[in-house]
């Protein structure tokens, strides 16, 4: 799981610097898999993700949304 987390973080960093179809597809794939585990089978909906960088701690914490994906279907090409 640690390698998976590091890979997703790497994709997010690449998206922040220069969004590529490959990096976006990698995160979409993982979002889709995670959402499917939490929802009823064959639910028909769109989802999207954001890349948010958080800096600081406590009252000095700030957030910056650096990327918001287009909505995409939970199921791709008719696959459950």
PDB file of N, CA and C in Angstrom:
ATOM      1  N   UNK A   1       0.819  -1.191   0.000  1.00  0.00           N
ATOM      2  CA  UNK A   1       0.000   0.000   0.000  1.00  0.00           C
ATOM      3  C   UNK A   1       0.870   1.266   0.000  1.00  0.00           C
ATOM      4  N   UNK A   2       2.009   1.210   0.625  1.00  0.00           N
ATOM      5  CA  UNK A   2       2.883   2.386   0.660  1.00  0.00           C
ATOM      6  C   UNK A   2       3.341   2.759  -0.753  1.00  0.00           C
ATOM      7  N   UNK A   3       3.720   1.766  -1.551  1.00  0.00           N
ATOM      8  CA  UNK A   3       4.136   2.052  -2.925  1.00  0.00           C
ATOM      9  C   UNK A   3       3.001   2.681  -3.722  1.00  0.00           C
ATOM     10  N   UNK A   4       1.795   2.193  -3.496  1.00  0.00           N
ATOM     11  CA  UNK A   4       0.618   2.738  -4.181  1.00  0.00           C
ATOM     12  C   UNK A   4       0.417   4.214  -3.797  1.00  0.00           C
ATOM     13  N   UNK A   5       0.544   4.511  -2.520  1.00  0.00           N
ATOM     14  CA  UNK A   5       0.397   5.899  -2.050  1.00  0.00           C
ATOM     15  C   UNK A   5       1.475   6.802  -2.643  1.00  0.00           C
ATOM     16  N   UNK A   6       2.692   6.307  -2.695  1.00  0.00           N
ATOM     17  CA  UNK A   6       3.777   7.098  -3.276  1.00  0.00           C
ATOM     18  C   UNK A   6       3.546   7.340  -4.771  1.00  0.00           C
ATOM     19  N   UNK A   7       3.030   6.337  -5.460  1.00  0.00           N
ATOM     20  CA  UNK A   7       2.747   6.485  -6.885  1.00  0.00           C
ATOM     21  C   UNK A   7       1.667   7.535  -7.118  1.00  0.00           C
ATOM     22  N   UNK A   8       0.597   7.484  -6.318  1.00  0.00           N
ATOM     23  CA  UNK A   8      -0.482   8.465  -6.465  1.00  0.00           C
ATOM     24  C   UNK A   8       0.036   9.866  -6.163  1.00  0.00           C
ATOM     25  N   UNK A   9       0.877  10.000  -5.135  1.00  0.00           N
ATOM     26  CA  UNK A   9       1.461  11.306  -4.810  1.00  0.00           C
ATOM     27  C   UNK A   9       2.315  11.808  -5.971  1.00  0.00           C
ATOM     28  N   UNK A  10       3.080  10.916  -6.576  1.00  0.00           N
ATOM     29  CA  UNK A  10       3.900  11.289  -7.725  1.00  0.00           C
ATOM     30  C   UNK A  10       3.026  11.759  -8.887  1.00  0.00           C
ATOM     31  N   UNK A  11       1.927  11.054  -9.136  1.00  0.00           N
ATOM     32  CA  UNK A  11       1.001  11.464 -10.199  1.00  0.00           C
ATOM     33  C   UNK A  11       0.413  12.843  -9.895  1.00  0.00           C
ATOM     34  N   UNK A  12       0.039  13.068  -8.643  1.00  0.00           N
ATOM     35  CA  UNK A  12      -0.533  14.365  -8.251  1.00  0.00           C
ATOM     36  C   UNK A  12       0.484  15.487  -8.451  1.00  0.00           C
ATOM     37  N   UNK A  13       1.725  15.238  -8.093  1.00  0.00           N
ATOM     38  CA  UNK A  13       2.762  16.255  -8.281  1.00  0.00           C
ATOM     39  C   UNK A  13       2.967  16.555  -9.767  1.00  0.00           C
ATOM     40  N   UNK A  14       2.956  15.498 -10.593  1.00  0.00           N
ATOM     41  CA  UNK A  14       3.095  15.708 -12.036  1.00  0.00           C
ATOM     42  C   UNK A  14       1.923  16.487 -12.604  1.00  0.00           C
ATOM     43  N   UNK A  15       0.712  16.200 -12.101  1.00  0.00           N
ATOM     44  CA  UNK A  15      -0.479  16.928 -12.554  1.00  0.00           C
ATOM     45  C   UNK A  15      -0.360  18.402 -12.180  1.00  0.00           C
ATOM     46  N   UNK A  16       0.152  18.677 -10.983  1.00  0.00           N
ATOM     47  CA  UNK A  16       0.298  20.065 -10.540  1.00  0.00           C
ATOM     48  C   UNK A  16       1.274  20.831 -11.432  1.00  0.00           C
ATOM     49  N   UNK A  17       2.330  20.177 -11.865  1.00  0.00           N
ATOM     50  CA  UNK A  17       3.341  20.832 -12.692  1.00  0.00           C
ATOM     51  C   UNK A  17       2.946  20.894 -14.162  1.00  0.00           C
ATOM     52  N   UNK A  18       2.439  19.777 -14.661  1.00  0.00           N
ATOM     53  CA  UNK A  18       2.071  19.688 -16.080  1.00  0.00           C
ATOM     54  C   UNK A  18       1.114  18.507 -16.255  1.00  0.00           C
ATOM     55  N   UNK A  19      -0.187  18.762 -16.267  1.00  0.00           N
ATOM     56  CA  UNK A  19      -1.148  17.655 -16.397  1.00  0.00           C
ATOM     57  C   UNK A  19      -0.948  16.878 -17.696  1.00  0.00           C
ATOM     58  N   UNK A  20      -0.866  15.567 -17.572  1.00  0.00           N
ATOM     59  CA  UNK A  20      -0.781  14.700 -18.751  1.00  0.00           C
ATOM     60  C   UNK A  20      -1.923  13.695 -18.700  1.00  0.00           C
ATOM     61  N   UNK A  21      -2.370  13.227 -19.851  1.00  0.00           N
ATOM     62  CA  UNK A  21      -3.436  12.217 -19.858  1.00  0.00           C
ATOM     63  C   UNK A  21      -3.068  10.980 -19.034  1.00  0.00           C
ATOM     64  N   UNK A  22      -1.803  10.582 -19.054  1.00  0.00           N
ATOM     65  CA  UNK A  22      -1.383   9.390 -18.313  1.00  0.00           C
ATOM     66  C   UNK A  22      -1.561   9.578 -16.806  1.00  0.00           C
ATOM     67  N   UNK A  23      -1.071  10.677 -16.257  1.00  0.00           N
ATOM     68  CA  UNK A  23      -1.180  10.913 -14.814  1.00  0.00           C
ATOM     69  C   UNK A  23      -2.642  11.038 -14.386  1.00  0.00           C
ATOM     70  N   UNK A  24      -3.427  11.745 -15.179  1.00  0.00           N
ATOM     71  CA  UNK A  24      -4.847  11.901 -14.862  1.00  0.00           C
ATOM     72  C   UNK A  24      -5.546  10.547 -14.910  1.00  0.00           C
ATOM     73  N   UNK A  25      -5.246   9.734 -15.911  1.00  0.00           N
ATOM     74  CA  UNK A  25      -5.866   8.408 -16.030  1.00  0.00           C
ATOM     75  C   UNK A  25      -5.499   7.512 -14.855  1.00  0.00           C
ATOM     76  N   UNK A  26      -4.267   7.603 -14.378  1.00  0.00           N
ATOM     77  CA  UNK A  26      -3.839   6.777 -13.246  1.00  0.00           C
ATOM     78  C   UNK A  26      -4.634   7.115 -11.987  1.00  0.00           C
ATOM     79  N   UNK A  27      -4.841   8.407 -11.736  1.00  0.00           N
ATOM     80  CA  UNK A  27      -5.616   8.787 -10.555  1.00  0.00           C
ATOM     81  C   UNK A  27      -7.092   8.459 -10.765  1.00  0.00           C
ATOM     82  N   UNK A  28      -7.607   8.695 -11.959  1.00  0.00           N
ATOM     83  CA  UNK A  28      -9.009   8.325 -12.237  1.00  0.00           C
ATOM     84  C   UNK A  28      -9.251   6.850 -11.968  1.00  0.00           C
ATOM     85  N   UNK A  29      -8.339   6.014 -12.408  1.00  0.00           N
ATOM     86  CA  UNK A  29      -8.461   4.568 -12.201  1.00  0.00           C
ATOM     87  C   UNK A  29      -8.565   4.237 -10.711  1.00  0.00           C
ATOM     88  N   UNK A  30      -7.737   4.868  -9.898  1.00  0.00           N
ATOM     89  CA  UNK A  30      -7.733   4.591  -8.459  1.00  0.00           C
ATOM     90  C   UNK A  30      -8.951   5.179  -7.759  1.00  0.00           C
ATOM     91  N   UNK A  31      -9.383   6.363  -8.186  1.00  0.00           N
ATOM     92  CA  UNK A  31     -10.606   6.952  -7.619  1.00  0.00           C
ATOM     93  C   UNK A  31     -11.786   6.048  -7.924  1.00  0.00           C
ATOM     94  N   UNK A  32     -11.886   5.619  -9.179  1.00  0.00           N
ATOM     95  CA  UNK A  32     -12.985   4.747  -9.591  1.00  0.00           C
ATOM     96  C   UNK A  32     -13.011   3.465  -8.746  1.00  0.00           C
ATOM     97  N   UNK A  33     -11.866   2.850  -8.535  1.00  0.00           N
ATOM     98  CA  UNK A  33     -11.801   1.608  -7.751  1.00  0.00           C
ATOM     99  C   UNK A  33     -12.208   1.857  -6.300  1.00  0.00           C
ATOM    100  N   UNK A  34     -11.742   2.957  -5.709  1.00  0.00           N
ATOM    101  CA  UNK A  34     -12.084   3.263  -4.316  1.00  0.00           C
ATOM    102  C   UNK A  34     -13.566   3.561  -4.155  1.00  0.00           C
ATOM    103  N   UNK A  35     -14.133   4.346  -5.073  1.00  0.00           N
ATOM    104  CA  UNK A  35     -15.551   4.696  -4.979  1.00  0.00           C
ATOM    105  C   UNK A  35     -16.408   3.451  -5.161  1.00  0.00           C
ATOM    106  N   UNK A  36     -16.030   2.583  -6.072  1.00  0.00           N
ATOM    107  CA  UNK A  36     -16.798   1.349  -6.297  1.00  0.00           C
ATOM    108  C   UNK A  36     -16.854   0.492  -5.044  1.00  0.00           C
ATOM    109  N   UNK A  37     -15.791   0.492  -4.243  1.00  0.00           N
ATOM    110  CA  UNK A  37     -15.787  -0.291  -3.004  1.00  0.00           C
ATOM    111  C   UNK A  37     -16.771   0.276  -1.990  1.00  0.00           C
ATOM    112  N   UNK A  38     -17.074   1.556  -2.088  1.00  0.00           N
ATOM    113  CA  UNK A  38     -17.913   2.224  -1.093  1.00  0.00           C
ATOM    114  C   UNK A  38     -19.364   2.378  -1.513  1.00  0.00           C
ATOM    115  N   UNK A  39     -19.689   2.101  -2.761  1.00  0.00           N
ATOM    116  CA  UNK A  39     -21.048   2.343  -3.250  1.00  0.00           C
ATOM    117  C   UNK A  39     -21.688   1.048  -3.729  1.00  0.00           C
ATOM    118  N   UNK A  40     -22.983   1.148  -3.953  1.00  0.00           N
ATOM    119  CA  UNK A  40     -23.739   0.000  -4.445  1.00  0.00           C
ATOM    120  C   UNK A  40     -23.247  -0.389  -5.836  1.00  0.00           C
ATOM    121  N   UNK A  41     -23.284  -1.668  -6.142  1.00  0.00           N
ATOM    122  CA  UNK A  41     -22.855  -2.115  -7.475  1.00  0.00           C
ATOM    123  C   UNK A  41     -23.693  -1.462  -8.571  1.00  0.00           C
ATOM    124  N   UNK A  42     -23.028  -1.205  -9.667  1.00  0.00           N
ATOM    125  CA  UNK A  42     -23.662  -0.675 -10.883  1.00  0.00           C
ATOM    126  C   UNK A  42     -24.323   0.690 -10.695  1.00  0.00           C
ATOM    127  N   UNK A  43     -23.879   1.451  -9.718  1.00  0.00           N
ATOM    128  CA  UNK A  43     -24.399   2.806  -9.563  1.00  0.00           C
ATOM    129  C   UNK A  43     -23.948   3.632 -10.763  1.00  0.00           C
ATOM    130  N   UNK A  44     -24.843   4.440 -11.285  1.00  0.00           N
ATOM    131  CA  UNK A  44     -24.509   5.239 -12.463  1.00  0.00           C
ATOM    132  C   UNK A  44     -24.382   6.693 -12.025  1.00  0.00           C
ATOM    133  N   UNK A  45     -23.163   7.126 -11.931  1.00  0.00           N
ATOM    134  CA  UNK A  45     -22.903   8.500 -11.526  1.00  0.00           C
ATOM    135  C   UNK A  45     -21.561   8.947 -12.071  1.00  0.00           C
ATOM    136  N   UNK A  46     -21.328  10.223 -12.020  1.00  0.00           N
ATOM    137  CA  UNK A  46     -20.026  10.770 -12.380  1.00  0.00           C
ATOM    138  C   UNK A  46     -19.301  11.187 -11.112  1.00  0.00           C
ATOM    139  N   UNK A  47     -17.997  11.109 -11.153  1.00  0.00           N
ATOM    140  CA  UNK A  47     -17.165  11.540 -10.030  1.00  0.00           C
ATOM    141  C   UNK A  47     -16.050  12.420 -10.584  1.00  0.00           C
ATOM    142  N   UNK A  48     -15.370  13.147  -9.699  1.00  0.00           N
ATOM    143  CA  UNK A  48     -14.210  13.910 -10.106  1.00  0.00           C
ATOM    144  C   UNK A  48     -13.274  14.010  -8.913  1.00  0.00           C
ATOM    145  N   UNK A  49     -12.044  14.417  -9.175  1.00  0.00           N
ATOM    146  CA  UNK A  49     -11.075  14.560  -8.100  1.00  0.00           C
ATOM    147  C   UNK A  49     -10.396  15.908  -8.183  1.00  0.00           C
ATOM    148  N   UNK A  50      -9.821  16.320  -7.057  1.00  0.00           N
ATOM    149  CA  UNK A  50      -9.053  17.562  -6.990  1.00  0.00           C
ATOM    150  C   UNK A  50      -7.677  17.234  -6.431  1.00  0.00           C
ATOM    151  N   UNK A  51      -6.692  17.960  -6.887  1.00  0.00           N
ATOM    152  CA  UNK A  51      -5.359  17.902  -6.292  1.00  0.00           C
ATOM    153  C   UNK A  51      -5.227  19.169  -5.450  1.00  0.00           C
ATOM    154  N   UNK A  52      -5.092  18.969  -4.140  1.00  0.00           N
ATOM    155  CA  UNK A  52      -5.016  20.084  -3.199  1.00  0.00           C
ATOM    156  C   UNK A  52      -3.708  19.971  -2.435  1.00  0.00           C
ATOM    157  N   UNK A  53      -2.927  21.033  -2.448  1.00  0.00           N
ATOM    158  CA  UNK A  53      -1.699  21.082  -1.661  1.00  0.00           C
ATOM    159  C   UNK A  53      -1.992  21.815  -0.366  1.00  0.00           C
ATOM    160  N   UNK A  54      -1.554  21.225   0.742  1.00  0.00           N
ATOM    161  CA  UNK A  54      -1.766  21.790   2.069  1.00  0.00           C
ATOM    162  C   UNK A  54      -0.403  22.128   2.645  1.00  0.00           C
ATOM    163  N   UNK A  55      -0.283  23.356   3.191  1.00  0.00           N
ATOM    164  CA  UNK A  55       0.968  23.794   3.800  1.00  0.00           C
ATOM    165  C   UNK A  55       0.689  24.283   5.212  1.00  0.00           C
ATOM    166  N   UNK A  56       1.698  24.117   6.079  1.00  0.00           N
ATOM    167  CA  UNK A  56       1.618  24.653   7.431  1.00  0.00           C
ATOM    168  C   UNK A  56       0.815  23.769   8.368  1.00  0.00           C
ATOM    169  N   UNK A  57       0.682  24.261   9.584  1.00  0.00           N
ATOM    170  CA  UNK A  57      -0.058  23.538  10.620  1.00  0.00           C
ATOM    171  C   UNK A  57      -0.941  24.502  11.395  1.00  0.00           C
ATOM    172  N   UNK A  58      -1.992  23.953  11.998  1.00  0.00           N
ATOM    173  CA  UNK A  58      -2.860  24.740  12.860  1.00  0.00           C
ATOM    174  C   UNK A  58      -3.429  25.960  12.159  1.00  0.00           C
ATOM    175  N   UNK A  59      -3.377  27.114  12.871  1.00  0.00           N
ATOM    176  CA  UNK A  59      -3.949  28.347  12.335  1.00  0.00           C
ATOM    177  C   UNK A  59      -3.189  28.845  11.110  1.00  0.00           C
ATOM    178  N   UNK A  60      -1.935  28.415  10.945  1.00  0.00           N
ATOM    179  CA  UNK A  60      -1.133  28.849   9.802  1.00  0.00           C
ATOM    180  C   UNK A  60      -1.280  27.963   8.583  1.00  0.00           C
ATOM    181  N   UNK A  61      -2.249  27.057   8.615  1.00  0.00           N
ATOM    182  CA  UNK A  61      -2.423  26.118   7.509  1.00  0.00           C
ATOM    183  C   UNK A  61      -3.119  26.801   6.330  1.00  0.00           C
ATOM    184  N   UNK A  62      -2.629  26.508   5.139  1.00  0.00           N
ATOM    185  CA  UNK A  62      -3.277  27.028   3.932  1.00  0.00           C
ATOM    186  C   UNK A  62      -3.436  25.891   2.930  1.00  0.00           C
ATOM    187  N   UNK A  63      -4.432  26.026   2.064  1.00  0.00           N
ATOM    188  CA  UNK A  63      -4.708  25.036   1.041  1.00  0.00           C
ATOM    189  C   UNK A  63      -4.788  25.715  -0.314  1.00  0.00           C
ATOM    190  N   UNK A  64      -4.294  25.015  -1.323  1.00  0.00           N
ATOM    191  CA  UNK A  64      -4.384  25.523  -2.686  1.00  0.00           C
ATOM    192  C   UNK A  64      -4.815  24.385  -3.602  1.00  0.00           C
ATOM    193  N   UNK A  65      -5.956  24.564  -4.256  1.00  0.00           N
ATOM    194  CA  UNK A  65      -6.410  23.587  -5.242  1.00  0.00           C
ATOM    195  C   UNK A  65      -5.673  23.893  -6.540  1.00  0.00           C
ATOM    196  N   UNK A  66      -4.848  22.932  -6.982  1.00  0.00           N
ATOM    197  CA  UNK A  66      -4.030  23.162  -8.168  1.00  0.00           C
ATOM    198  C   UNK A  66      -4.583  22.465  -9.416  1.00  0.00           C
ATOM    199  N   UNK A  67      -5.562  21.572  -9.213  1.00  0.00           N
ATOM    200  CA  UNK A  67      -6.145  20.873 -10.357  1.00  0.00           C
ATOM    201  C   UNK A  67      -7.497  20.317  -9.944  1.00  0.00           C
ATOM    202  N   UNK A  68      -8.487  20.459 -10.819  1.00  0.00           N
ATOM    203  CA  UNK A  68      -9.791  19.820 -10.643  1.00  0.00           C
ATOM    204  C   UNK A  68     -10.096  19.069 -11.933  1.00  0.00           C
ATOM    205  N   UNK A  69     -10.329  17.776 -11.806  1.00  0.00           N
ATOM    206  CA  UNK A  69     -10.582  16.962 -13.000  1.00  0.00           C
ATOM    207  C   UNK A  69     -11.960  17.271 -13.569  1.00  0.00           C
ATOM    208  N   UNK A  70     -12.129  16.921 -14.825  1.00  0.00           N
ATOM    209  CA  UNK A  70     -13.462  16.926 -15.405  1.00  0.00           C
ATOM    210  C   UNK A  70     -14.235  15.772 -14.780  1.00  0.00           C
ATOM    211  N   UNK A  71     -15.557  15.886 -14.676  1.00  0.00           N
ATOM    212  CA  UNK A  71     -16.332  14.732 -14.195  1.00  0.00           C
ATOM    213  C   UNK A  71     -16.142  13.544 -15.143  1.00  0.00           C
ATOM    214  N   UNK A  72     -16.089  12.356 -14.560  1.00  0.00           N
ATOM    215  CA  UNK A  72     -15.959  11.151 -15.375  1.00  0.00           C
ATOM    216  C   UNK A  72     -16.852  10.069 -14.802  1.00  0.00           C
ATOM    217  N   UNK A  73     -17.331   9.157 -15.647  1.00  0.00           N
ATOM    218  CA  UNK A  73     -18.274   8.137 -15.183  1.00  0.00           C
ATOM    219  C   UNK A  73     -17.607   7.146 -14.241  1.00  0.00           C
ATOM    220  N   UNK A  74     -18.387   6.710 -13.265  1.00  0.00           N
ATOM    221  CA  UNK A  74     -17.888   5.707 -12.328  1.00  0.00           C
ATOM    222  C   UNK A  74     -17.594   4.408 -13.068  1.00  0.00           C
ATOM    223  N   UNK A  75     -18.404   4.100 -14.061  1.00  0.00           N
ATOM    224  CA  UNK A  75     -18.126   2.931 -14.899  1.00  0.00           C
ATOM    225  C   UNK A  75     -17.592   3.437 -16.227  1.00  0.00           C
ATOM    226  N   UNK A  76     -16.572   2.769 -16.722  1.00  0.00           N
ATOM    227  CA  UNK A  76     -15.958   3.205 -17.976  1.00  0.00           C
ATOM    228  C   UNK A  76     -16.262   2.197 -19.068  1.00  0.00           C
ATOM    229  N   UNK A  77     -16.755   2.705 -20.176  1.00  0.00           N
ATOM    230  CA  UNK A  77     -17.054   1.878 -21.350  1.00  0.00           C
ATOM    231  C   UNK A  77     -17.984   0.711 -21.000  1.00  0.00           C
ATOM    232  N   UNK A  78     -18.965   0.973 -20.136  1.00  0.00           N
ATOM    233  CA  UNK A  78     -19.962  -0.032 -19.816  1.00  0.00           C
ATOM    234  C   UNK A  78     -19.506  -1.115 -18.861  1.00  0.00           C
ATOM    235  N   UNK A  79     -18.301  -1.021 -18.332  1.00  0.00           N
ATOM    236  CA  UNK A  79     -17.830  -2.052 -17.406  1.00  0.00           C
ATOM    237  C   UNK A  79     -18.421  -1.798 -16.025  1.00  0.00           C
ATOM    238  N   UNK A  80     -18.808  -2.834 -15.299  1.00  0.00           N
ATOM    239  CA  UNK A  80     -19.347  -2.641 -13.958  1.00  0.00           C
ATOM    240  C   UNK A  80     -18.292  -2.179 -12.991  1.00  0.00           C
TER     241      UNK A  80
END
